[in-house]
Structure formats: C-alpha cells, structure tokens
C-alpha atoms as a PDB file:
ATOM      1  CA  MET A   1       0.360 -26.659 126.393  1.00  0.00           C
ATOM      2  CA  ASN A   2       0.679 -29.818 124.222  1.00  0.00           C
ATOM      3  CA  ARG A   3       0.926 -33.067 126.150  1.00  0.00           C
ATOM      4  CA  ARG A   4       1.530 -36.634 125.067  1.00  0.00           C
ATOM      5  CA  LEU A   5       1.644 -40.069 126.629  1.00  0.00           C
ATOM      6  CA  GLY A   6       5.123 -41.232 126.136  1.00  0.00           C
ATOM      7  CA  LEU A   7       6.616 -44.787 126.493  1.00  0.00           C
ATOM      8  CA  MET A   8       7.172 -45.189 130.277  1.00  0.00           C
ATOM      9  CA  ILE A   9       9.816 -47.858 131.281  1.00  0.00           C
ATOM     10  CA  PRO A  10      10.797 -48.222 134.917  1.00  0.00           C
ATOM     11  CA  LEU A  11      14.542 -48.392 135.289  1.00  0.00           C
ATOM     12  CA  VAL A  12      15.868 -51.149 137.527  1.00  0.00           C
ATOM     13  CA  PRO A  13      19.345 -50.640 138.931  1.00  0.00           C
ATOM     14  CA  LEU A  14      21.534 -53.675 139.744  1.00  0.00           C
ATOM     15  CA  LEU A  15      20.822 -54.312 143.437  1.00  0.00           C
ATOM     16  CA  ILE A  16      20.031 -56.834 146.183  1.00  0.00           C
ATOM     17  CA  ALA A  17      17.215 -56.664 148.818  1.00  0.00           C
ATOM     18  CA  ALA A  18      17.082 -53.609 150.919  1.00  0.00           C
ATOM     19  CA  ASP A  19      14.831 -52.386 153.844  1.00  0.00           C
ATOM     20  CA  ARG A  20      11.503 -51.120 152.828  1.00  0.00           C
ATOM     21  CA  ALA A  21      11.840 -47.506 151.867  1.00  0.00           C
ATOM     22  CA  PRO A  22       9.371 -44.590 152.813  1.00  0.00           C
ATOM     23  CA  ALA A  23       7.077 -43.565 150.080  1.00  0.00           C
ATOM     24  CA  GLU A  24       8.550 -40.083 149.608  1.00  0.00           C
ATOM     25  CA  ARG A  25      11.882 -38.361 150.024  1.00  0.00           C
ATOM     26  CA  VAL A  26      11.910 -34.589 150.367  1.00  0.00           C
ATOM     27  CA  VAL A  27      14.886 -32.683 149.287  1.00  0.00           C
ATOM     28  CA  THR A  28      15.450 -29.115 150.558  1.00  0.00           C
ATOM     29  CA  GLY A  29      18.043 -26.358 150.759  1.00  0.00           C
ATOM     30  CA  LYS A  30      21.268 -27.092 148.943  1.00  0.00           C
ATOM     31  CA  GLY A  31      20.229 -30.738 148.351  1.00  0.00           C
ATOM     32  CA  LEU A  32      23.184 -32.258 150.285  1.00  0.00           C
ATOM     33  CA  VAL A  33      22.603 -35.697 151.950  1.00  0.00           C
ATOM     34  CA  GLU A  34      24.925 -37.986 153.853  1.00  0.00           C
ATOM     35  CA  VAL A  35      25.085 -41.533 152.385  1.00  0.00           C
ATOM     36  CA  THR A  36      27.492 -44.452 152.671  1.00  0.00           C
ATOM     37  CA  VAL A  37      29.347 -45.726 149.561  1.00  0.00           C
ATOM     38  CA  ASN A  38      31.647 -48.811 149.776  1.00  0.00           C
ATOM     39  CA  GLY A  39      31.666 -48.460 153.640  1.00  0.00           C
ATOM     40  CA  GLU A  40      32.753 -44.764 153.568  1.00  0.00           C
ATOM     41  CA  LYS A  41      30.593 -41.790 154.395  1.00  0.00           C
ATOM     42  CA  ALA A  42      29.919 -39.447 151.555  1.00  0.00           C
ATOM     43  CA  VAL A  43      28.108 -36.201 151.046  1.00  0.00           C
ATOM     44  CA  LEU A  44      26.167 -36.099 147.755  1.00  0.00           C
ATOM     45  CA  ARG A  45      24.119 -33.375 146.265  1.00  0.00           C
ATOM     46  CA  VAL A  46      20.736 -34.618 144.940  1.00  0.00           C
ATOM     47  CA  ASP A  47      20.442 -32.842 141.605  1.00  0.00           C
ATOM     48  CA  PRO A  48      17.474 -33.198 139.376  1.00  0.00           C
ATOM     49  CA  ALA A  49      19.802 -32.648 136.398  1.00  0.00           C
ATOM     50  CA  ALA A  50      22.268 -35.303 137.510  1.00  0.00           C
ATOM     51  CA  PRO A  51      22.401 -38.956 136.265  1.00  0.00           C
ATOM     52  CA  ALA A  52      20.740 -41.703 138.395  1.00  0.00           C
ATOM     53  CA  MET A  53      24.067 -43.408 138.770  1.00  0.00           C
ATOM     54  CA  PRO A  54      25.944 -41.667 141.631  1.00  0.00           C
ATOM     55  CA  LEU A  55      28.853 -39.837 140.099  1.00  0.00           C
ATOM     56  CA  LEU A  56      31.590 -39.444 142.708  1.00  0.00           C
ATOM     57  CA  ASP A  57      34.829 -37.371 142.601  1.00  0.00           C
ATOM     58  CA  ALA A  58      37.992 -39.270 141.832  1.00  0.00           C
ATOM     59  CA  GLY A  59      39.453 -38.320 145.187  1.00  0.00           C
ATOM     60  CA  PHE A  60      36.626 -40.071 146.950  1.00  0.00           C
ATOM     61  CA  ALA A  61      37.088 -43.119 144.936  1.00  0.00           C
ATOM     62  CA  GLU A  62      40.660 -43.272 145.957  1.00  0.00           C
ATOM     63  CA  ARG A  63      39.868 -42.842 149.601  1.00  0.00           C
ATOM     64  CA  SER A  64      37.087 -45.535 149.314  1.00  0.00           C
ATOM     65  CA  ARG A  65      39.564 -48.087 147.811  1.00  0.00           C
ATOM     66  CA  PHE A  66      37.779 -48.386 144.497  1.00  0.00           C
ATOM     67  CA  LYS A  67      39.608 -50.267 141.688  1.00  0.00           C
ATOM     68  CA  THR A  68      41.181 -47.091 140.299  1.00  0.00           C
ATOM     69  CA  THR A  69      44.070 -48.641 138.379  1.00  0.00           C
ATOM     70  CA  GLY A  70      44.538 -51.189 135.631  1.00  0.00           C
ATOM     71  CA  HIS A  71      42.092 -52.255 133.003  1.00  0.00           C
ATOM     72  CA  TRP A  72      39.148 -52.984 135.124  1.00  0.00           C
ATOM     73  CA  GLY A  73      35.455 -51.997 135.331  1.00  0.00           C
ATOM     74  CA  VAL A  74      33.041 -50.511 132.810  1.00  0.00           C
ATOM     75  CA  GLY A  75      33.476 -47.046 131.464  1.00  0.00           C
ATOM     76  CA  ILE A  76      30.402 -44.844 130.672  1.00  0.00           C
ATOM     77  CA  GLY A  77      30.978 -41.497 128.803  1.00  0.00           C
ATOM     78  CA  TYR A  78      29.077 -38.340 129.194  1.00  0.00           C
ATOM     79  CA  LYS A  79      29.194 -35.783 126.349  1.00  0.00           C
ATOM     80  CA  VAL A  80      28.971 -32.021 126.797  1.00  0.00           C
ATOM     81  CA  GLY A  81      29.116 -30.427 123.345  1.00  0.00           C
ATOM     82  CA  GLY A  82      32.328 -31.560 121.755  1.00  0.00           C
ATOM     83  CA  THR A  83      33.963 -32.796 124.994  1.00  0.00           C
ATOM     84  CA  SER A  84      33.514 -36.202 126.362  1.00  0.00           C
ATOM     85  CA  VAL A  85      33.983 -37.159 130.096  1.00  0.00           C
ATOM     86  CA  MET A  86      34.648 -40.779 130.934  1.00  0.00           C
ATOM     87  CA  SER A  87      33.654 -42.293 134.172  1.00  0.00           C
ATOM     88  CA  ARG A  88      35.018 -45.558 135.662  1.00  0.00           C
ATOM     89  CA  THR A  89      32.394 -47.614 137.437  1.00  0.00           C
ATOM     90  CA  GLN A  90      32.133 -50.375 139.980  1.00  0.00           C
ATOM     91  CA  VAL A  91      29.227 -52.250 141.881  1.00  0.00           C
ATOM     92  CA  VAL A  92      29.708 -51.517 145.540  1.00  0.00           C
ATOM     93  CA  PRO A  93      27.455 -51.524 148.630  1.00  0.00           C
ATOM     94  CA  VAL A  94      25.544 -48.303 148.911  1.00  0.00           C
ATOM     95  CA  ASP A  95      23.200 -46.928 151.561  1.00  0.00           C
ATOM     96  CA  LEU A  96      20.992 -44.045 150.360  1.00  0.00           C
ATOM     97  CA  GLY A  97      19.081 -44.059 153.472  1.00  0.00           C
ATOM     98  CA  ALA A  98      16.980 -47.281 153.297  1.00  0.00           C
ATOM     99  CA  GLY A  99      19.513 -49.978 153.875  1.00  0.00           C
ATOM    100  CA  ARG A 100      22.449 -51.324 151.957  1.00  0.00           C
ATOM    101  CA  ILE A 101      22.174 -52.291 148.394  1.00  0.00           C
ATOM    102  CA  LYS A 102      24.731 -53.186 145.767  1.00  0.00           C
ATOM    103  CA  ARG A 103      24.619 -50.912 142.729  1.00  0.00           C
ATOM    104  CA  ARG A 104      26.800 -49.377 140.199  1.00  0.00           C
ATOM    105  CA  VAL A 105      28.464 -46.044 141.068  1.00  0.00           C
ATOM    106  CA  GLY A 106      30.842 -43.993 138.807  1.00  0.00           C
ATOM    107  CA  TRP A 107      33.706 -41.595 139.434  1.00  0.00           C
ATOM    108  CA  THR A 108      35.202 -39.002 137.133  1.00  0.00           C
ATOM    109  CA  ALA A 109      38.389 -36.873 137.173  1.00  0.00           C
ATOM    110  CA  ARG A 110      36.136 -33.826 136.435  1.00  0.00           C
ATOM    111  CA  PRO A 111      33.366 -33.472 139.204  1.00  0.00           C
ATOM    112  CA  PHE A 112      29.898 -33.326 137.795  1.00  0.00           C
ATOM    113  CA  ALA A 113      29.375 -30.253 140.009  1.00  0.00           C
ATOM    114  CA  PRO A 114      31.383 -28.498 142.755  1.00  0.00           C
ATOM    115  CA  ALA A 115      29.386 -29.840 145.733  1.00  0.00           C
ATOM    116  CA  GLY A 116      30.308 -32.369 148.362  1.00  0.00           C
ATOM    117  CA  ASP A 117      31.767 -35.669 147.248  1.00  0.00           C
ATOM    118  CA  GLY A 118      29.636 -36.075 144.173  1.00  0.00           C
ATOM    119  CA  SER A 119      26.129 -35.646 142.596  1.00  0.00           C
ATOM    120  CA  VAL A 120      23.233 -38.009 142.141  1.00  0.00           C
ATOM    121  CA  GLY A 121      19.783 -37.804 140.469  1.00  0.00           C
ATOM    122  CA  PRO A 122      16.440 -38.489 142.041  1.00  0.00           C
ATOM    123  CA  GLU A 123      15.941 -41.970 140.608  1.00  0.00           C
ATOM    124  CA  ALA A 124      18.863 -43.318 142.467  1.00  0.00           C
ATOM    125  CA  PHE A 125      16.822 -43.377 145.690  1.00  0.00           C
ATOM    126  CA  PRO A 126      14.630 -46.240 146.789  1.00  0.00           C
ATOM    127  CA  GLU A 127      11.591 -43.922 147.377  1.00  0.00           C
ATOM    128  CA  ALA A 128       8.994 -43.973 144.580  1.00  0.00           C
ATOM    129  CA  ILE A 129       8.541 -40.233 145.016  1.00  0.00           C
ATOM    130  CA  VAL A 130      11.231 -37.611 145.319  1.00  0.00           C
ATOM    131  CA  ARG A 131      10.206 -34.068 145.982  1.00  0.00           C
ATOM    132  CA  PHE A 132      12.399 -31.037 145.485  1.00  0.00           C
ATOM    133  CA  GLN A 133      10.912 -28.442 147.809  1.00  0.00           C
ATOM    134  CA  PHE A 134      12.434 -25.043 147.020  1.00  0.00           C
ATOM    135  CA  ARG A 135      10.081 -22.977 149.252  1.00  0.00           C
ATOM    136  CA  ALA A 136       6.651 -23.128 150.768  1.00  0.00           C
ATOM    137  CA  PRO A 137       3.678 -23.233 148.359  1.00  0.00           C
ATOM    138  CA  ILE A 138       1.828 -19.974 147.665  1.00  0.00           C
ATOM    139  CA  ALA A 139      -1.749 -19.122 146.815  1.00  0.00           C
ATOM    140  CA  GLY A 140      -2.506 -19.304 143.043  1.00  0.00           C
ATOM    141  CA  GLU A 141       0.140 -21.870 142.138  1.00  0.00           C
ATOM    142  CA  THR A 142      -0.668 -24.439 139.444  1.00  0.00           C
ATOM    143  CA  THR A 143       0.668 -27.957 139.202  1.00  0.00           C
ATOM    144  CA  THR A 144       1.507 -29.344 135.694  1.00  0.00           C
ATOM    145  CA  VAL A 145       1.932 -33.017 135.174  1.00  0.00           C
ATOM    146  CA  LEU A 146       4.608 -33.957 132.471  1.00  0.00           C
ATOM    147  CA  PRO A 147       5.473 -37.483 131.158  1.00  0.00           C
ATOM    148  CA  MET A 148       8.802 -38.834 132.555  1.00  0.00           C
ATOM    149  CA  GLU A 149      11.466 -40.218 130.233  1.00  0.00           C
ATOM    150  CA  ARG A 150      14.900 -41.635 130.613  1.00  0.00           C
ATOM    151  CA  ALA A 151      17.665 -41.756 127.945  1.00  0.00           C
ATOM    152  CA  THR A 152      18.902 -45.221 128.924  1.00  0.00           C
ATOM    153  CA  GLY A 153      17.194 -48.656 128.924  1.00  0.00           C
ATOM    154  CA  PRO A 154      15.826 -50.395 132.015  1.00  0.00           C
ATOM    155  CA  LEU A 155      17.776 -53.619 132.409  1.00  0.00           C
ATOM    156  CA  GLY A 156      21.272 -54.995 132.141  1.00  0.00           C
ATOM    157  CA  LEU A 157      24.575 -54.813 133.891  1.00  0.00           C
ATOM    158  CA  PHE A 158      24.740 -51.011 133.785  1.00  0.00           C
ATOM    159  CA  GLY A 159      21.402 -49.947 135.350  1.00  0.00           C
ATOM    160  CA  ASN A 160      20.226 -46.468 134.799  1.00  0.00           C
ATOM    161  CA  PHE A 161      23.124 -44.157 134.232  1.00  0.00           C
ATOM    162  CA  SER A 162      21.324 -41.277 132.588  1.00  0.00           C
ATOM    163  CA  ALA A 163      19.487 -38.169 133.758  1.00  0.00           C
ATOM    164  CA  THR A 164      15.604 -38.180 134.028  1.00  0.00           C
ATOM    165  CA  PHE A 165      13.670 -35.840 131.811  1.00  0.00           C
ATOM    166  CA  ALA A 166      10.221 -34.548 131.375  1.00  0.00           C
ATOM    167  CA  THR A 167       8.812 -34.523 127.872  1.00  0.00           C
ATOM    168  CA  ILE A 168       6.948 -31.699 125.950  1.00  0.00           C
ATOM    169  CA  GLU A 169       5.937 -31.506 122.256  1.00  0.00           C
ATOM    170  CA  VAL A 170       7.471 -28.866 119.912  1.00  0.00           C
ATOM    171  CA  GLY A 171       6.266 -28.939 116.354  1.00  0.00           C
ATOM    172  CA  GLY A 172       4.553 -32.331 116.900  1.00  0.00           C
ATOM    173  CA  GLU A 173       7.717 -34.062 118.085  1.00  0.00           C
ATOM    174  CA  PRO A 174       8.907 -34.703 121.615  1.00  0.00           C
ATOM    175  CA  MET A 175      11.646 -32.621 123.309  1.00  0.00           C
ATOM    176  CA  HIS A 176      13.418 -33.395 126.551  1.00  0.00           C
ATOM    177  CA  VAL A 177      13.136 -30.952 129.468  1.00  0.00           C
ATOM    178  CA  ARG A 178      15.815 -31.153 132.128  1.00  0.00           C
ATOM    179  CA  PHE A 179      15.413 -29.406 135.468  1.00  0.00           C
ATOM    180  CA  ASP A 180      18.609 -27.700 136.383  1.00  0.00           C
ATOM    181  CA  PRO A 181      17.953 -25.413 139.494  1.00  0.00           C
ATOM    182  CA  TYR A 182      21.731 -25.172 140.300  1.00  0.00           C
ATOM    183  CA  HIS A 183      22.459 -23.245 137.128  1.00  0.00           C
ATOM    184  CA  ALA A 184      21.356 -19.701 136.732  1.00  0.00           C
ATOM    185  CA  ARG A 185      20.246 -19.615 133.137  1.00  0.00           C
ATOM    186  CA  THR A 186      17.749 -21.716 131.127  1.00  0.00           C
ATOM    187  CA  LEU A 187      19.544 -23.182 128.079  1.00  0.00           C
ATOM    188  CA  VAL A 188      18.638 -25.063 124.914  1.00  0.00           C
ATOM    189  CA  THR A 189      20.887 -27.230 122.607  1.00  0.00           C
ATOM    190  CA  ALA A 190      21.324 -25.969 119.067  1.00  0.00           C
ATOM    191  CA  GLY A 191      18.829 -28.410 117.599  1.00  0.00           C
ATOM    192  CA  ALA A 192      16.242 -27.603 120.292  1.00  0.00           C
ATOM    193  CA  GLY A 193      16.786 -23.912 119.725  1.00  0.00           C
ATOM    194  CA  ALA A 194      16.387 -24.232 115.882  1.00  0.00           C
ATOM    195  CA  ARG A 195      13.053 -26.158 116.457  1.00  0.00           C
ATOM    196  CA  LEU A 196      11.784 -23.599 118.971  1.00  0.00           C
ATOM    197  CA  ALA A 197      12.757 -20.683 116.657  1.00  0.00           C
ATOM    198  CA  ALA A 198      10.875 -22.314 113.839  1.00  0.00           C
ATOM    199  CA  PHE A 199       7.488 -22.843 115.694  1.00  0.00           C
ATOM    200  CA  HIS A 200       7.850 -19.862 118.211  1.00  0.00           C
ATOM    201  CA  ASP A 201       9.133 -17.184 115.822  1.00  0.00           C
ATOM    202  CA  GLY A 202      12.569 -17.026 117.374  1.00  0.00           C
ATOM    203  CA  SER A 203      15.540 -14.807 116.799  1.00  0.00           C
ATOM    204  CA  VAL A 204      19.106 -14.817 118.119  1.00  0.00           C
ATOM    205  CA  SER A 205      21.067 -11.910 119.359  1.00  0.00           C
ATOM    206  CA  GLY A 206      24.246 -10.889 121.329  1.00  0.00           C
ATOM    207  CA  ALA A 207      27.687 -12.177 121.476  1.00  0.00           C
ATOM    208  CA  ALA A 208      28.432 -15.689 122.473  1.00  0.00           C
ATOM    209  CA  VAL A 209      29.089 -15.929 126.240  1.00  0.00           C
ATOM    210  CA  SER A 210      31.236 -18.831 127.640  1.00  0.00           C
ATOM    211  CA  THR A 211      28.831 -20.670 129.958  1.00  0.00           C
ATOM    212  CA  GLU A 212      29.537 -23.692 132.280  1.00  0.00           C
ATOM    213  CA  ILE A 213      27.179 -26.611 131.467  1.00  0.00           C
ATOM    214  CA  PHE A 214      28.336 -29.709 133.582  1.00  0.00           C
ATOM    215  CA  PHE A 215      31.654 -31.163 134.617  1.00  0.00           C
ATOM    216  CA  GLY A 216      33.160 -27.673 134.617  1.00  0.00           C
ATOM    217  CA  ILE A 217      32.917 -27.592 130.759  1.00  0.00           C
ATOM    218  CA  GLU A 218      32.000 -24.207 129.280  1.00  0.00           C
ATOM    219  CA  ARG A 219      30.258 -23.775 125.912  1.00  0.00           C
ATOM    220  CA  PRO A 220      29.387 -20.610 123.835  1.00  0.00           C
ATOM    221  CA  VAL A 221      25.808 -19.405 124.508  1.00  0.00           C
ATOM    222  CA  ARG A 222      23.923 -16.602 122.822  1.00  0.00           C
ATOM    223  CA  THR A 223      20.408 -15.318 123.532  1.00  0.00           C
ATOM    224  CA  LEU A 224      17.403 -16.885 121.829  1.00  0.00           C
ATOM    225  CA  SER A 225      14.155 -14.685 121.988  1.00  0.00           C
ATOM    226  CA  LEU A 226      10.773 -16.272 121.231  1.00  0.00           C
ATOM    227  CA  ALA A 227       8.124 -13.835 119.900  1.00  0.00           C
ATOM    228  CA  ARG A 228       5.488 -16.389 120.766  1.00  0.00           C
ATOM    229  CA  PRO A 229       6.632 -17.734 124.169  1.00  0.00           C
ATOM    230  CA  LEU A 230       6.861 -21.394 124.927  1.00  0.00           C
ATOM    231  CA  ARG A 231       4.518 -22.282 127.724  1.00  0.00           C
ATOM    232  CA  ILE A 232       5.198 -25.171 130.236  1.00  0.00           C
ATOM    233  CA  GLY A 233       2.283 -24.923 132.713  1.00  0.00           C
ATOM    234  CA  THR A 234       2.307 -21.426 134.086  1.00  0.00           C
ATOM    235  CA  LEU A 235       5.857 -20.773 132.988  1.00  0.00           C
ATOM    236  CA  SER A 236       6.097 -18.622 129.823  1.00  0.00           C
ATOM    237  CA  LEU A 237       9.558 -18.960 128.310  1.00  0.00           C
ATOM    238  CA  SER A 238      10.502 -15.964 126.007  1.00  0.00           C
ATOM    239  CA  THR A 239      14.284 -15.695 126.483  1.00  0.00           C
ATOM    240  CA  LEU A 240      16.726 -18.544 126.688  1.00  0.00           C
ATOM    241  CA  GLY A 241      20.390 -19.268 126.337  1.00  0.00           C
ATOM    242  CA  LEU A 242      21.278 -20.977 123.074  1.00  0.00           C
ATOM    243  CA  ARG A 243      24.129 -23.407 122.957  1.00  0.00           C
ATOM    244  CA  THR A 244      24.957 -22.467 119.457  1.00  0.00           C
ATOM    245  CA  ALA A 245      27.225 -25.473 118.400  1.00  0.00           C
ATOM    246  CA  ASP A 246      25.907 -28.258 120.604  1.00  0.00           C
ATOM    247  CA  PHE A 247      23.776 -31.230 119.160  1.00  0.00           C
ATOM    248  CA  GLY A 248      22.410 -29.625 116.119  1.00  0.00           C
ATOM    249  CA  ASN A 249      22.827 -26.625 113.840  1.00  0.00           C
ATOM    250  CA  ALA A 250      21.641 -23.212 115.030  1.00  0.00           C
ATOM    251  CA  SER A 251      22.917 -21.326 111.954  1.00  0.00           C
ATOM    252  CA  GLY A 252      19.383 -21.133 110.278  1.00  0.00           C
ATOM    253  CA  ILE A 253      17.950 -18.990 113.117  1.00  0.00           C
ATOM    254  CA  ARG A 254      17.574 -15.505 111.996  1.00  0.00           C
ATOM    255  CA  GLU A 255      19.471 -12.650 113.644  1.00  0.00           C
ATOM    256  CA  ALA A 256      17.300 -10.271 115.749  1.00  0.00           C
ATOM    257  CA  GLY A 257      16.226  -7.351 113.620  1.00  0.00           C
ATOM    258  CA  ALA A 258      16.185  -9.385 110.473  1.00  0.00           C
ATOM    259  CA  ALA A 259      12.868  -9.858 108.740  1.00  0.00           C
ATOM    260  CA  ALA A 260      11.342 -13.420 109.147  1.00  0.00           C
ATOM    261  CA  ASP A 261      11.286 -15.502 106.010  1.00  0.00           C
ATOM    262  CA  PRO A 262       8.367 -18.069 106.271  1.00  0.00           C
ATOM    263  CA  ASP A 263       9.992 -20.252 103.676  1.00  0.00           C
ATOM    264  CA  GLU A 264      13.152 -20.402 105.836  1.00  0.00           C
ATOM    265  CA  ILE A 265      11.091 -21.347 108.842  1.00  0.00           C
ATOM    266  CA  VAL A 266       9.632 -24.341 106.889  1.00  0.00           C
ATOM    267  CA  VAL A 267      13.243 -25.519 106.064  1.00  0.00           C
ATOM    268  CA  ALA A 268      14.371 -25.087 109.609  1.00  0.00           C
ATOM    269  CA  ALA A 269      11.454 -27.095 110.934  1.00  0.00           C
ATOM    270  CA  LYS A 270      11.809 -30.113 108.560  1.00  0.00           C
ATOM    271  CA  GLY A 271      15.653 -29.923 108.171  1.00  0.00           C
ATOM    272  CA  ARG A 272      17.843 -32.823 107.211  1.00  0.00           C
ATOM    273  CA  LYS A 273      17.546 -35.965 109.502  1.00  0.00           C
ATOM    274  CA  ARG A 274      19.344 -35.917 112.762  1.00  0.00           C
ATOM    275  CA  ASP A 275      18.859 -37.456 116.191  1.00  0.00           C
ATOM    276  CA  ARG A 276      16.162 -35.266 117.734  1.00  0.00           C
ATOM    277  CA  ARG A 277      16.481 -37.196 120.997  1.00  0.00           C
ATOM    278  CA  ARG A 278      19.336 -34.825 121.895  1.00  0.00           C
ATOM    279  CA  ASP A 279      17.096 -31.839 121.619  1.00  0.00           C
ATOM    280  CA  THR A 280      17.036 -30.577 125.198  1.00  0.00           C
ATOM    281  CA  LEU A 281      15.704 -27.614 127.096  1.00  0.00           C
ATOM    282  CA  SER A 282      17.274 -27.245 130.516  1.00  0.00           C
ATOM    283  CA  LEU A 283      15.235 -25.118 132.888  1.00  0.00           C
ATOM    284  CA  GLY A 284      17.433 -23.012 135.100  1.00  0.00           C
ATOM    285  CA  ALA A 285      16.974 -20.913 138.267  1.00  0.00           C
ATOM    286  CA  ASP A 286      15.749 -18.015 136.126  1.00  0.00           C
ATOM    287  CA  TYR A 287      12.449 -19.819 135.586  1.00  0.00           C
ATOM    288  CA  LEU A 288      12.405 -22.428 138.233  1.00  0.00           C
ATOM    289  CA  SER A 289      12.590 -19.574 140.890  1.00  0.00           C
ATOM    290  CA  ARG A 290       8.865 -19.188 140.161  1.00  0.00           C
ATOM    291  CA  CYS A 291       8.278 -22.819 141.310  1.00  0.00           C
ATOM    292  CA  SER A 292       7.767 -24.152 144.845  1.00  0.00           C
ATOM    293  CA  SER A 293       8.412 -27.849 144.008  1.00  0.00           C
ATOM    294  CA  ILE A 294       9.375 -30.391 141.433  1.00  0.00           C
ATOM    295  CA  VAL A 295       8.125 -33.969 142.158  1.00  0.00           C
ATOM    296  CA  PHE A 296       9.581 -37.037 140.459  1.00  0.00           C
ATOM    297  CA  ASP A 297       7.000 -39.846 140.686  1.00  0.00           C
ATOM    298  CA  ARG A 298       8.573 -43.149 139.570  1.00  0.00           C
ATOM    299  CA  GLY A 299       5.397 -45.036 140.461  1.00  0.00           C
ATOM    300  CA  ARG A 300       3.341 -43.043 137.906  1.00  0.00           C
ATOM    301  CA  ASP A 301       6.173 -42.148 135.553  1.00  0.00           C
ATOM    302  CA  VAL A 302       5.448 -38.489 135.735  1.00  0.00           C
ATOM    303  CA  ILE A 303       7.074 -35.268 136.903  1.00  0.00           C
ATOM    304  CA  ARG A 304       4.860 -32.649 138.606  1.00  0.00           C
ATOM    305  CA  LEU A 305       5.951 -28.987 138.372  1.00  0.00           C
ATOM    306  CA  THR A 306       4.170 -26.587 140.831  1.00  0.00           C
ATOM    307  CA  CYS A 307       4.743 -23.000 139.922  1.00  0.00           C
ATOM    308  CA  ALA A 308       3.111 -19.534 140.344  1.00  0.00           C
END
C-alpha cells in the first residue's frame, strides 16, 4: 500500500477551560452517548463519518431554547451530491464527559442520521484518542496506520465543522477515506471512482440503485469492479458502490464486458482539472466488518485500522 506523510494540522474548536480529560475514549455498540448541550441532556451517536461539530436535530434545538428564529447565527452547509443541507449554529455550553466547555454546535431540519438527538464525529471529544471497538481482537489481525486529514482549517470562529478522514494515494495523488460503519455498502464518489478505474482496471455494471448517503438523501449508485483490487492494509477492495453523478464524472469508466482501451485509461487518469479533494472513498460495513477497531489519534494525527 502506498503511504504518504500529509500536512497534519490540529483543529482547535472554540472553547473555554475544561476538566482534564482521560487519554482515551472507547466507543462500543451502537455508539450512543449521553451528553449535555445548553443545559439539556442529549443522546448523540458517535459516528466516525460525522462532522466534528455536533449536529443536532431541529426538535432538540427547539427544546433546548436555541435561537431558532430570526436572522441570527452562522449557517454552515453540507453538500450531498446536488443537494445542500444548511445548518444553523450557535456557541453554547457543552459537556461531552470531561466538564463544560463552550463550543459551536449545529442543527438541521434533516437529521444527519436516524439515531438519538444527533450525531457527532470523534474529534469533538476532549480525549486525544477515540477508539471505535467493534469486537474483540482476534489472532492474525494487522494494524495499518494512515495519515489523518480534515477538510476545514484549524482556527477561527467556526472551529472544526468537517468530518475527519484518512488519506491514501491513488495514481500518485491523495484520496480521502471516510469510515462509515453505519452504512452497509462501501461507496466512492464519481471522481474517486474514475481514478480507481483508471489505475486498478475498473469497470461499471448493473442498474443504478437509489442509496441513502447522509441526511436521508439518496443518490444513484452502480457497481464498480476493480480487476486489480485496492489494498488498504489487509482489506482488499474489489467491489464498490459508485456514486455516478457526485463530485466528478464517471462516464469514462468502461462498462463491464467491454474491452479495455489503454488510451482511454490515460485520458481518464489525467482528465481535465477539477477539485480532487472531493474524491472520497467511504468504507462501509461490508469491509469494516472485518475490522475489530478504528482508532483516531489526534495526538499523532493518524488513524489506526485493525483488521483481519
């Protein structure tokens, strides 16, 4: 597996002093934790695919007396394919288990996921290490260390409102890897799929199936097969779901059964200029079921994936 040392920038949310946090938080089962937001108890699902800014349901925001009316607050948008979901935000007291801090939270009319009062990513927590423990380790597992990367900058009024990714290289350029154990299928955006097809002899097949991504938004997904599997540690990815129309163009990927054209592969690899930072591979439960844990280590800016 190709590895690189990426630019590692610790993200600092807007906060005030809190009690000293333990070194590690362990997340098990359905990932549900009880926290306090703006003086109200809330149940959040800790989700490695969710933004670091807690995203709460609109109903909870109303119950917790957030400023939900008028032209107030900062709006932050999240884009799923061609659909945007806007969040209102507010800085409120939050206790995630190590004392009250003031930090920015958001709320949306569409819930990020149908679980509890909202969702939150691992970097929201004060612990430097957040371990998602899916099952007990077994003999023969291997731990792969991947660089950690965020999509938003470290400082300012907004803090970290993005998800946290690992980074791999495909064709000599970085590609984001999101860990999404609460969705059944591993997916790639169109641009990521085109790049994987070019360098791993990929082809697309099957009818498009409407598939939920986040916020209840569904997008068309076809099957991308890689003749040369993509390896991430011990995981060998040969079949993925391809988001055919999201963040890139997948039309150049050959249909299964058609002869490969080496010239076409070169064109697909170079392509016209676009924002490759949106090229994302989301590892779902179909592959993550082979793993006992994912560890987000903010102190070392790495993600450790332990799989059989």
